[in-house]
Amino acid sequence: MTGTIVVKPATPPQPVPATLIDPLVLLDGRFQCTVSNLVPGKTYIVEASTNLMNWTAISTNVAASSVESYVDDGAAAFRRRCYRSVHLP
């Protein structure tokens, strides 16, 4: 019997995307949430959109831990606003 072994370079594991959990609109109209799955020491940008096509960076942070709170003080000025967190390479 004969066989062939093919060795390929290892692919690095993909980071788990940051996740926004526990969303809450505060009584004064501000938006609050928890951002989880962060990698401490890595930079993350919180972005907001009113149409899911055009995103605006509203906060840039270096994660101090794997879970952090975020409050959007400008949320009351918008009827509807969507959020996401983007990890910088």
PDB file of N, CA and C in Angstrom:
ATOM      1  N   MET A   1       0.831  -1.173   0.000  1.00  0.00           N
ATOM      2  CA  MET A   1       0.000   0.000   0.000  1.00  0.00           C
ATOM      3  C   MET A   1       0.883   1.245   0.000  1.00  0.00           C
ATOM      4  N   THR A   2       0.443   2.253  -0.687  1.00  0.00           N
ATOM      5  CA  THR A   2       1.139   3.537  -0.707  1.00  0.00           C
ATOM      6  C   THR A   2       0.120   4.629  -0.449  1.00  0.00           C
ATOM      7  N   GLY A   3       0.615   5.777  -0.050  1.00  0.00           N
ATOM      8  CA  GLY A   3      -0.281   6.899   0.212  1.00  0.00           C
ATOM      9  C   GLY A   3       0.472   8.208   0.063  1.00  0.00           C
ATOM     10  N   THR A   4      -0.264   9.272   0.099  1.00  0.00           N
ATOM     11  CA  THR A   4       0.308  10.606  -0.023  1.00  0.00           C
ATOM     12  C   THR A   4      -0.172  11.448   1.151  1.00  0.00           C
ATOM     13  N   ILE A   5       0.750  12.160   1.748  1.00  0.00           N
ATOM     14  CA  ILE A   5       0.399  13.088   2.816  1.00  0.00           C
ATOM     15  C   ILE A   5       0.655  14.491   2.299  1.00  0.00           C
ATOM     16  N   VAL A   6      -0.350  15.331   2.369  1.00  0.00           N
ATOM     17  CA  VAL A   6      -0.230  16.728   1.933  1.00  0.00           C
ATOM     18  C   VAL A   6      -0.251  17.605   3.176  1.00  0.00           C
ATOM     19  N   VAL A   7       0.773  18.400   3.351  1.00  0.00           N
ATOM     20  CA  VAL A   7       0.863  19.298   4.502  1.00  0.00           C
ATOM     21  C   VAL A   7       0.628  20.722   4.013  1.00  0.00           C
ATOM     22  N   LYS A   8      -0.364  21.361   4.620  1.00  0.00           N
ATOM     23  CA  LYS A   8      -0.697  22.742   4.262  1.00  0.00           C
ATOM     24  C   LYS A   8      -0.377  23.645   5.452  1.00  0.00           C
ATOM     25  N   PRO A   9      -0.061  24.904   5.177  1.00  0.00           N
ATOM     26  CA  PRO A   9       0.191  25.820   6.293  1.00  0.00           C
ATOM     27  C   PRO A   9      -1.065  25.978   7.140  1.00  0.00           C
ATOM     28  N   ALA A  10      -0.853  26.111   8.432  1.00  0.00           N
ATOM     29  CA  ALA A  10      -1.984  26.287   9.343  1.00  0.00           C
ATOM     30  C   ALA A  10      -2.624  27.646   9.115  1.00  0.00           C
ATOM     31  N   THR A  11      -3.928  27.681   9.152  1.00  0.00           N
ATOM     32  CA  THR A  11      -4.632  28.961   9.050  1.00  0.00           C
ATOM     33  C   THR A  11      -4.910  29.441  10.469  1.00  0.00           C
ATOM     34  N   PRO A  12      -4.571  30.682  10.759  1.00  0.00           N
ATOM     35  CA  PRO A  12      -4.812  31.177  12.113  1.00  0.00           C
ATOM     36  C   PRO A  12      -6.311  31.222  12.404  1.00  0.00           C
ATOM     37  N   PRO A  13      -6.693  30.976  13.638  1.00  0.00           N
ATOM     38  CA  PRO A  13      -8.124  31.034  13.967  1.00  0.00           C
ATOM     39  C   PRO A  13      -8.659  32.447  13.785  1.00  0.00           C
ATOM     40  N   GLN A  14      -9.856  32.536  13.271  1.00  0.00           N
ATOM     41  CA  GLN A  14     -10.491  33.835  13.078  1.00  0.00           C
ATOM     42  C   GLN A  14     -11.023  34.326  14.421  1.00  0.00           C
ATOM     43  N   PRO A  15     -10.834  35.615  14.722  1.00  0.00           N
ATOM     44  CA  PRO A  15     -11.364  36.121  15.990  1.00  0.00           C
ATOM     45  C   PRO A  15     -12.888  36.102  15.990  1.00  0.00           C
ATOM     46  N   VAL A  16     -13.445  35.855  17.149  1.00  0.00           N
ATOM     47  CA  VAL A  16     -14.896  35.903  17.297  1.00  0.00           C
ATOM     48  C   VAL A  16     -15.300  37.370  17.220  1.00  0.00           C
ATOM     49  N   PRO A  17     -16.279  37.706  16.388  1.00  0.00           N
ATOM     50  CA  PRO A  17     -16.643  39.125  16.276  1.00  0.00           C
ATOM     51  C   PRO A  17     -17.180  39.676  17.599  1.00  0.00           C
ATOM     52  N   ALA A  18     -16.902  40.944  17.824  1.00  0.00           N
ATOM     53  CA  ALA A  18     -17.466  41.617  18.993  1.00  0.00           C
ATOM     54  C   ALA A  18     -18.981  41.599  18.872  1.00  0.00           C
ATOM     55  N   THR A  19     -19.638  41.434  20.004  1.00  0.00           N
ATOM     56  CA  THR A  19     -21.090  41.316  20.018  1.00  0.00           C
ATOM     57  C   THR A  19     -21.682  42.356  20.960  1.00  0.00           C
ATOM     58  N   LEU A  20     -22.704  43.059  20.489  1.00  0.00           N
ATOM     59  CA  LEU A  20     -23.402  44.017  21.338  1.00  0.00           C
ATOM     60  C   LEU A  20     -24.575  43.304  21.996  1.00  0.00           C
ATOM     61  N   ILE A  21     -24.585  43.311  23.324  1.00  0.00           N
ATOM     62  CA  ILE A  21     -25.633  42.623  24.080  1.00  0.00           C
ATOM     63  C   ILE A  21     -26.249  43.589  25.094  1.00  0.00           C
ATOM     64  N   ASP A  22     -27.348  43.179  25.674  1.00  0.00           N
ATOM     65  CA  ASP A  22     -28.055  43.949  26.693  1.00  0.00           C
ATOM     66  C   ASP A  22     -28.376  45.379  26.258  1.00  0.00           C
ATOM     67  N   PRO A  23     -28.975  45.571  25.054  1.00  0.00           N
ATOM     68  CA  PRO A  23     -29.300  46.930  24.618  1.00  0.00           C
ATOM     69  C   PRO A  23     -30.387  47.549  25.491  1.00  0.00           C
ATOM     70  N   LEU A  24     -30.259  48.849  25.710  1.00  0.00           N
ATOM     71  CA  LEU A  24     -31.223  49.536  26.562  1.00  0.00           C
ATOM     72  C   LEU A  24     -31.277  51.003  26.152  1.00  0.00           C
ATOM     73  N   VAL A  25     -32.489  51.510  25.966  1.00  0.00           N
ATOM     74  CA  VAL A  25     -32.675  52.946  25.752  1.00  0.00           C
ATOM     75  C   VAL A  25     -33.002  53.536  27.116  1.00  0.00           C
ATOM     76  N   LEU A  26     -32.163  54.444  27.568  1.00  0.00           N
ATOM     77  CA  LEU A  26     -32.345  55.055  28.878  1.00  0.00           C
ATOM     78  C   LEU A  26     -33.460  56.090  28.836  1.00  0.00           C
ATOM     79  N   LEU A  27     -33.968  56.474  29.983  1.00  0.00           N
ATOM     80  CA  LEU A  27     -35.091  57.412  30.056  1.00  0.00           C
ATOM     81  C   LEU A  27     -34.793  58.743  29.376  1.00  0.00           C
ATOM     82  N   ASP A  28     -33.529  59.163  29.347  1.00  0.00           N
ATOM     83  CA  ASP A  28     -33.175  60.427  28.707  1.00  0.00           C
ATOM     84  C   ASP A  28     -32.872  60.272  27.214  1.00  0.00           C
ATOM     85  N   GLY A  29     -33.117  59.063  26.650  1.00  0.00           N
ATOM     86  CA  GLY A  29     -32.942  58.830  25.222  1.00  0.00           C
ATOM     87  C   GLY A  29     -31.579  58.303  24.812  1.00  0.00           C
ATOM     88  N   ARG A  30     -30.630  58.259  25.751  1.00  0.00           N
ATOM     89  CA  ARG A  30     -29.322  57.697  25.426  1.00  0.00           C
ATOM     90  C   ARG A  30     -29.442  56.179  25.242  1.00  0.00           C
ATOM     91  N   PHE A  31     -28.532  55.619  24.451  1.00  0.00           N
ATOM     92  CA  PHE A  31     -28.494  54.177  24.199  1.00  0.00           C
ATOM     93  C   PHE A  31     -27.337  53.578  24.979  1.00  0.00           C
ATOM     94  N   GLN A  32     -27.590  52.455  25.621  1.00  0.00           N
ATOM     95  CA  GLN A  32     -26.559  51.768  26.395  1.00  0.00           C
ATOM     96  C   GLN A  32     -26.525  50.297  26.000  1.00  0.00           C
ATOM     97  N   CYS A  33     -25.328  49.728  25.917  1.00  0.00           N
ATOM     98  CA  CYS A  33     -25.200  48.298  25.646  1.00  0.00           C
ATOM     99  C   CYS A  33     -23.880  47.801  26.226  1.00  0.00           C
ATOM    100  N   THR A  34     -23.705  46.498  26.191  1.00  0.00           N
ATOM    101  CA  THR A  34     -22.454  45.863  26.578  1.00  0.00           C
ATOM    102  C   THR A  34     -21.844  45.285  25.320  1.00  0.00           C
ATOM    103  N   VAL A  35     -20.547  45.493  25.129  1.00  0.00           N
ATOM    104  CA  VAL A  35     -19.836  44.916  23.988  1.00  0.00           C
ATOM    105  C   VAL A  35     -19.012  43.756  24.536  1.00  0.00           C
ATOM    106  N   SER A  36     -19.260  42.554  24.005  1.00  0.00           N
ATOM    107  CA  SER A  36     -18.553  41.364  24.498  1.00  0.00           C
ATOM    108  C   SER A  36     -17.689  40.746  23.396  1.00  0.00           C
ATOM    109  N   ASN A  37     -16.944  39.731  23.751  1.00  0.00           N
ATOM    110  CA  ASN A  37     -16.009  39.025  22.852  1.00  0.00           C
ATOM    111  C   ASN A  37     -14.852  39.917  22.413  1.00  0.00           C
ATOM    112  N   LEU A  38     -14.471  40.864  23.249  1.00  0.00           N
ATOM    113  CA  LEU A  38     -13.350  41.739  22.932  1.00  0.00           C
ATOM    114  C   LEU A  38     -12.031  41.057  23.286  1.00  0.00           C
ATOM    115  N   VAL A  39     -10.986  41.434  22.577  1.00  0.00           N
ATOM    116  CA  VAL A  39      -9.640  40.945  22.884  1.00  0.00           C
ATOM    117  C   VAL A  39      -8.914  42.099  23.570  1.00  0.00           C
ATOM    118  N   PRO A  40      -8.570  41.947  24.861  1.00  0.00           N
ATOM    119  CA  PRO A  40      -7.885  43.034  25.567  1.00  0.00           C
ATOM    120  C   PRO A  40      -6.630  43.476  24.814  1.00  0.00           C
ATOM    121  N   GLY A  41      -6.470  44.802  24.723  1.00  0.00           N
ATOM    122  CA  GLY A  41      -5.324  45.368  24.024  1.00  0.00           C
ATOM    123  C   GLY A  41      -5.581  45.668  22.553  1.00  0.00           C
ATOM    124  N   LYS A  42      -6.664  45.157  21.997  1.00  0.00           N
ATOM    125  CA  LYS A  42      -7.013  45.402  20.595  1.00  0.00           C
ATOM    126  C   LYS A  42      -7.942  46.614  20.500  1.00  0.00           C
ATOM    127  N   THR A  43      -7.911  47.284  19.347  1.00  0.00           N
ATOM    128  CA  THR A  43      -8.717  48.482  19.133  1.00  0.00           C
ATOM    129  C   THR A  43     -10.038  48.134  18.458  1.00  0.00           C
ATOM    130  N   TYR A  44     -11.106  48.692  18.983  1.00  0.00           N
ATOM    131  CA  TYR A  44     -12.458  48.490  18.446  1.00  0.00           C
ATOM    132  C   TYR A  44     -13.103  49.840  18.178  1.00  0.00           C
ATOM    133  N   ILE A  45     -13.910  49.878  17.126  1.00  0.00           N
ATOM    134  CA  ILE A  45     -14.665  51.081  16.794  1.00  0.00           C
ATOM    135  C   ILE A  45     -16.147  50.742  16.910  1.00  0.00           C
ATOM    136  N   VAL A  46     -16.888  51.562  17.640  1.00  0.00           N
ATOM    137  CA  VAL A  46     -18.342  51.442  17.663  1.00  0.00           C
ATOM    138  C   VAL A  46     -18.864  52.376  16.591  1.00  0.00           C
ATOM    139  N   GLU A  47     -19.689  51.827  15.702  1.00  0.00           N
ATOM    140  CA  GLU A  47     -20.255  52.609  14.607  1.00  0.00           C
ATOM    141  C   GLU A  47     -21.767  52.639  14.720  1.00  0.00           C
ATOM    142  N   ALA A  48     -22.375  53.695  14.180  1.00  0.00           N
ATOM    143  CA  ALA A  48     -23.829  53.845  14.189  1.00  0.00           C
ATOM    144  C   ALA A  48     -24.315  54.166  12.781  1.00  0.00           C
ATOM    145  N   SER A  49     -25.554  53.746  12.504  1.00  0.00           N
ATOM    146  CA  SER A  49     -26.155  53.984  11.197  1.00  0.00           C
ATOM    147  C   SER A  49     -27.655  54.146  11.361  1.00  0.00           C
ATOM    148  N   THR A  50     -28.243  54.947  10.487  1.00  0.00           N
ATOM    149  CA  THR A  50     -29.698  55.072  10.471  1.00  0.00           C
ATOM    150  C   THR A  50     -30.313  54.281   9.318  1.00  0.00           C
ATOM    151  N   ASN A  51     -29.453  53.754   8.419  1.00  0.00           N
ATOM    152  CA  ASN A  51     -29.978  53.044   7.249  1.00  0.00           C
ATOM    153  C   ASN A  51     -29.254  51.725   6.928  1.00  0.00           C
ATOM    154  N   LEU A  52     -28.326  51.298   7.774  1.00  0.00           N
ATOM    155  CA  LEU A  52     -27.541  50.069   7.609  1.00  0.00           C
ATOM    156  C   LEU A  52     -26.639  50.069   6.376  1.00  0.00           C
ATOM    157  N   MET A  53     -26.534  51.206   5.706  1.00  0.00           N
ATOM    158  CA  MET A  53     -25.641  51.312   4.546  1.00  0.00           C
ATOM    159  C   MET A  53     -24.478  52.258   4.843  1.00  0.00           C
ATOM    160  N   ASN A  54     -24.772  53.358   5.487  1.00  0.00           N
ATOM    161  CA  ASN A  54     -23.760  54.361   5.808  1.00  0.00           C
ATOM    162  C   ASN A  54     -23.485  54.318   7.307  1.00  0.00           C
ATOM    163  N   TRP A  55     -22.240  54.016   7.661  1.00  0.00           N
ATOM    164  CA  TRP A  55     -21.864  53.873   9.063  1.00  0.00           C
ATOM    165  C   TRP A  55     -20.925  55.004   9.463  1.00  0.00           C
ATOM    166  N   THR A  56     -21.107  55.516  10.680  1.00  0.00           N
ATOM    167  CA  THR A  56     -20.282  56.579  11.228  1.00  0.00           C
ATOM    168  C   THR A  56     -19.630  56.087  12.508  1.00  0.00           C
ATOM    169  N   ALA A  57     -18.313  56.259  12.605  1.00  0.00           N
ATOM    170  CA  ALA A  57     -17.604  55.897  13.836  1.00  0.00           C
ATOM    171  C   ALA A  57     -17.996  56.881  14.930  1.00  0.00           C
ATOM    172  N   ILE A  58     -18.458  56.363  16.062  1.00  0.00           N
ATOM    173  CA  ILE A  58     -18.851  57.246  17.164  1.00  0.00           C
ATOM    174  C   ILE A  58     -17.985  57.033  18.404  1.00  0.00           C
ATOM    175  N   SER A  59     -17.160  55.975  18.384  1.00  0.00           N
ATOM    176  CA  SER A  59     -16.262  55.733  19.508  1.00  0.00           C
ATOM    177  C   SER A  59     -15.149  54.798  19.063  1.00  0.00           C
ATOM    178  N   THR A  60     -13.930  55.067  19.515  1.00  0.00           N
ATOM    179  CA  THR A  60     -12.795  54.184  19.271  1.00  0.00           C
ATOM    180  C   THR A  60     -12.143  53.909  20.614  1.00  0.00           C
ATOM    181  N   ASN A  61     -12.010  52.640  20.941  1.00  0.00           N
ATOM    182  CA  ASN A  61     -11.463  52.257  22.236  1.00  0.00           C
ATOM    183  C   ASN A  61     -10.482  51.108  22.103  1.00  0.00           C
ATOM    184  N   VAL A  62      -9.483  51.094  22.972  1.00  0.00           N
ATOM    185  CA  VAL A  62      -8.626  49.924  23.132  1.00  0.00           C
ATOM    186  C   VAL A  62      -9.240  49.141  24.286  1.00  0.00           C
ATOM    187  N   ALA A  63      -9.595  47.888  24.024  1.00  0.00           N
ATOM    188  CA  ALA A  63     -10.280  47.076  25.024  1.00  0.00           C
ATOM    189  C   ALA A  63      -9.377  46.805  26.223  1.00  0.00           C
ATOM    190  N   ALA A  64      -9.889  47.064  27.411  1.00  0.00           N
ATOM    191  CA  ALA A  64      -9.166  46.764  28.646  1.00  0.00           C
ATOM    192  C   ALA A  64      -9.531  45.381  29.165  1.00  0.00           C
ATOM    193  N   SER A  65     -10.705  44.879  28.728  1.00  0.00           N
ATOM    194  CA  SER A  65     -11.147  43.549  29.140  1.00  0.00           C
ATOM    195  C   SER A  65     -11.981  42.950  28.010  1.00  0.00           C
ATOM    196  N   SER A  66     -12.496  41.758  28.207  1.00  0.00           N
ATOM    197  CA  SER A  66     -13.263  41.087  27.147  1.00  0.00           C
ATOM    198  C   SER A  66     -14.702  41.584  27.057  1.00  0.00           C
ATOM    199  N   VAL A  67     -15.154  42.328  28.064  1.00  0.00           N
ATOM    200  CA  VAL A  67     -16.518  42.865  28.082  1.00  0.00           C
ATOM    201  C   VAL A  67     -16.446  44.306  28.575  1.00  0.00           C
ATOM    202  N   GLU A  68     -17.088  45.225  27.838  1.00  0.00           N
ATOM    203  CA  GLU A  68     -17.102  46.626  28.249  1.00  0.00           C
ATOM    204  C   GLU A  68     -18.463  47.245  27.975  1.00  0.00           C
ATOM    205  N   SER A  69     -18.822  48.236  28.754  1.00  0.00           N
ATOM    206  CA  SER A  69     -20.087  48.951  28.569  1.00  0.00           C
ATOM    207  C   SER A  69     -19.880  50.117  27.625  1.00  0.00           C
ATOM    208  N   TYR A  70     -20.946  50.472  26.918  1.00  0.00           N
ATOM    209  CA  TYR A  70     -20.900  51.610  26.006  1.00  0.00           C
ATOM    210  C   TYR A  70     -22.201  52.387  26.138  1.00  0.00           C
ATOM    211  N   VAL A  71     -22.106  53.714  26.145  1.00  0.00           N
ATOM    212  CA  VAL A  71     -23.282  54.589  26.172  1.00  0.00           C
ATOM    213  C   VAL A  71     -23.133  55.605  25.041  1.00  0.00           C
ATOM    214  N   ASP A  72     -24.178  55.722  24.211  1.00  0.00           N
ATOM    215  CA  ASP A  72     -24.213  56.719  23.138  1.00  0.00           C
ATOM    216  C   ASP A  72     -25.010  57.913  23.628  1.00  0.00           C
ATOM    217  N   ASP A  73     -24.293  58.975  23.991  1.00  0.00           N
ATOM    218  CA  ASP A  73     -24.950  60.187  24.488  1.00  0.00           C
ATOM    219  C   ASP A  73     -25.726  60.926  23.401  1.00  0.00           C
ATOM    220  N   GLY A  74     -25.435  60.662  22.118  1.00  0.00           N
ATOM    221  CA  GLY A  74     -26.106  61.355  21.024  1.00  0.00           C
ATOM    222  C   GLY A  74     -27.308  60.620  20.450  1.00  0.00           C
ATOM    223  N   ALA A  75     -27.670  59.487  21.019  1.00  0.00           N
ATOM    224  CA  ALA A  75     -28.742  58.663  20.450  1.00  0.00           C
ATOM    225  C   ALA A  75     -30.103  59.347  20.446  1.00  0.00           C
ATOM    226  N   ALA A  76     -30.365  60.224  21.401  1.00  0.00           N
ATOM    227  CA  ALA A  76     -31.678  60.871  21.502  1.00  0.00           C
ATOM    228  C   ALA A  76     -31.994  61.734  20.286  1.00  0.00           C
ATOM    229  N   ALA A  77     -30.987  62.138  19.539  1.00  0.00           N
ATOM    230  CA  ALA A  77     -31.202  63.005  18.377  1.00  0.00           C
ATOM    231  C   ALA A  77     -31.702  62.231  17.151  1.00  0.00           C
ATOM    232  N   PHE A  78     -31.778  60.898  17.265  1.00  0.00           N
ATOM    233  CA  PHE A  78     -32.169  60.061  16.125  1.00  0.00           C
ATOM    234  C   PHE A  78     -33.422  59.261  16.461  1.00  0.00           C
ATOM    235  N   ARG A  79     -34.321  59.150  15.485  1.00  0.00           N
ATOM    236  CA  ARG A  79     -35.538  58.351  15.675  1.00  0.00           C
ATOM    237  C   ARG A  79     -35.196  56.868  15.728  1.00  0.00           C
ATOM    238  N   ARG A  80     -34.239  56.470  14.887  1.00  0.00           N
ATOM    239  CA  ARG A  80     -33.810  55.069  14.830  1.00  0.00           C
ATOM    240  C   ARG A  80     -32.312  55.062  14.562  1.00  0.00           C
ATOM    241  N   ARG A  81     -31.586  54.192  15.254  1.00  0.00           N
ATOM    242  CA  ARG A  81     -30.142  54.102  15.066  1.00  0.00           C
ATOM    243  C   ARG A  81     -29.690  52.668  15.323  1.00  0.00           C
ATOM    244  N   CYS A  82     -28.872  52.152  14.426  1.00  0.00           N
ATOM    245  CA  CYS A  82     -28.335  50.797  14.560  1.00  0.00           C
ATOM    246  C   CYS A  82     -26.859  50.901  14.932  1.00  0.00           C
ATOM    247  N   TYR A  83     -26.346  49.865  15.600  1.00  0.00           N
ATOM    248  CA  TYR A  83     -24.980  49.893  16.096  1.00  0.00           C
ATOM    249  C   TYR A  83     -24.249  48.623  15.713  1.00  0.00           C
ATOM    250  N   ARG A  84     -22.916  48.750  15.600  1.00  0.00           N
ATOM    251  CA  ARG A  84     -22.059  47.588  15.419  1.00  0.00           C
ATOM    252  C   ARG A  84     -20.678  47.943  15.992  1.00  0.00           C
ATOM    253  N   SER A  85     -19.903  46.902  16.270  1.00  0.00           N
ATOM    254  CA  SER A  85     -18.541  47.100  16.736  1.00  0.00           C
ATOM    255  C   SER A  85     -17.604  46.431  15.726  1.00  0.00           C
ATOM    256  N   VAL A  86     -16.556  47.161  15.319  1.00  0.00           N
ATOM    257  CA  VAL A  86     -15.625  46.683  14.313  1.00  0.00           C
ATOM    258  C   VAL A  86     -14.239  46.606  14.941  1.00  0.00           C
ATOM    259  N   HIS A  87     -13.568  45.480  14.723  1.00  0.00           N
ATOM    260  CA  HIS A  87     -12.217  45.268  15.243  1.00  0.00           C
ATOM    261  C   HIS A  87     -11.205  45.760  14.218  1.00  0.00           C
ATOM    262  N   LEU A  88     -10.264  46.595  14.647  1.00  0.00           N
ATOM    263  CA  LEU A  88      -9.209  47.035  13.738  1.00  0.00           C
ATOM    264  C   LEU A  88      -8.140  45.950  13.655  1.00  0.00           C
ATOM    265  N   PRO A  89      -7.605  45.712  12.480  1.00  0.00           N
ATOM    266  CA  PRO A  89      -6.567  44.655  12.349  1.00  0.00           C
ATOM    267  C   PRO A  89      -5.297  45.010  13.091  1.00  0.00           C
TER     268      PRO A  89
END
